Amino acid sequence: MNKGLKIARYRSNLTQADVAKRAGISYRAYQDYEAARRTPSVIAAQSIAAVLGSEIGTLWPIQSLLTQGRGLK
């Protein structure tokens, strides 16, 4: 589980569905990111961080985002 992501969402008083909709991603994708079953693209991670009013590096180690082969797609 990505505890940092879950905590940031709770602090923002948002549901998983709220974050997904505001970030422009699917609800299922967001669930997978929070459960640490998948790593988002840098673009998706930036969108989620913006919705949560957080920095991308506090939610995911930047290296993990870049080594997933997804980069800035």
Protein backbone atom coordinates (compact mmCIF):
# COMPACT_ATOMS: atom_id res chain seq x y z
CA MET A 1 0.00 0.00 0.00
CA ASN A 2 1.15 3.52 -0.78
CA LYS A 3 0.56 5.02 2.66
CA GLY A 4 1.72 8.48 1.60
CA LEU A 5 -0.86 8.58 -1.18
CA LYS A 6 -3.65 7.37 1.10
CA ILE A 7 -2.75 9.87 3.84
CA ALA A 8 -2.64 12.75 1.35
CA ARG A 9 -6.07 11.73 0.06
CA TYR A 10 -7.52 11.57 3.58
CA ARG A 11 -6.04 14.98 4.40
CA SER A 12 -7.68 16.36 1.26
CA ASN A 13 -11.00 14.87 2.38
CA LEU A 14 -11.45 13.14 -0.99
CA THR A 15 -12.55 9.66 -2.00
CA GLN A 16 -10.59 7.53 -4.43
CA ALA A 17 -13.24 8.28 -7.04
CA ASP A 18 -12.89 12.04 -6.42
CA VAL A 19 -9.13 11.94 -6.92
CA ALA A 20 -9.40 9.81 -10.04
CA LYS A 21 -12.00 12.07 -11.64
CA ARG A 22 -10.12 15.28 -10.84
CA ALA A 23 -6.81 13.81 -12.04
CA GLY A 24 -8.36 12.55 -15.29
CA ILE A 25 -7.58 8.89 -14.69
CA SER A 26 -9.76 5.84 -14.19
CA TYR A 27 -11.00 4.90 -10.74
CA ARG A 28 -9.45 1.45 -11.14
CA ALA A 29 -6.05 2.93 -12.00
CA TYR A 30 -6.15 5.12 -8.91
CA GLN A 31 -7.09 2.14 -6.73
CA ASP A 32 -4.12 0.23 -8.14
CA TYR A 33 -1.74 3.15 -7.47
CA GLU A 34 -2.91 3.52 -3.87
CA ALA A 35 -2.68 -0.25 -3.32
CA ALA A 36 0.82 -0.18 -4.91
CA ARG A 37 -0.21 -2.75 -7.52
CA ARG A 38 0.87 -0.38 -10.32
CA THR A 39 3.12 2.64 -10.70
CA PRO A 40 1.67 5.61 -12.57
CA SER A 41 3.28 7.41 -15.47
CA VAL A 42 4.99 10.67 -14.54
CA ILE A 43 2.10 12.61 -16.10
CA ALA A 44 -0.53 10.69 -14.08
CA ALA A 45 1.54 11.06 -10.91
CA GLN A 46 1.82 14.82 -11.49
CA SER A 47 -1.94 15.08 -11.98
CA ILE A 48 -2.65 13.14 -8.80
CA ALA A 49 -0.14 15.19 -6.80
CA ALA A 50 -1.75 18.42 -8.04
CA VAL A 51 -5.21 17.23 -7.02
CA LEU A 52 -3.91 16.33 -3.57
CA GLY A 53 -1.92 19.56 -3.20
CA SER A 54 1.24 17.54 -2.74
CA GLU A 55 4.64 17.14 -4.36
CA ILE A 56 5.12 14.15 -6.64
CA GLY A 57 8.27 13.11 -4.73
CA THR A 58 6.38 12.83 -1.45
CA LEU A 59 3.89 10.40 -2.97
CA TRP A 60 6.28 8.24 -5.03
CA PRO A 61 10.05 7.99 -5.24
CA ILE A 62 10.76 9.70 -8.57
CA GLN A 63 13.17 6.92 -9.54
CA SER A 64 10.37 4.34 -9.39
CA LEU A 65 8.32 6.40 -11.83
CA LEU A 66 11.16 6.68 -14.31
CA THR A 67 12.27 3.05 -14.14
CA GLN A 68 8.84 1.72 -15.04
CA GLY A 69 9.65 2.50 -18.68
CA ARG A 70 6.82 4.98 -18.83
CA GLY A 71 8.72 8.22 -18.36
CA LEU A 72 6.95 11.27 -19.69
CA LYS A 73 4.48 9.50 -21.94
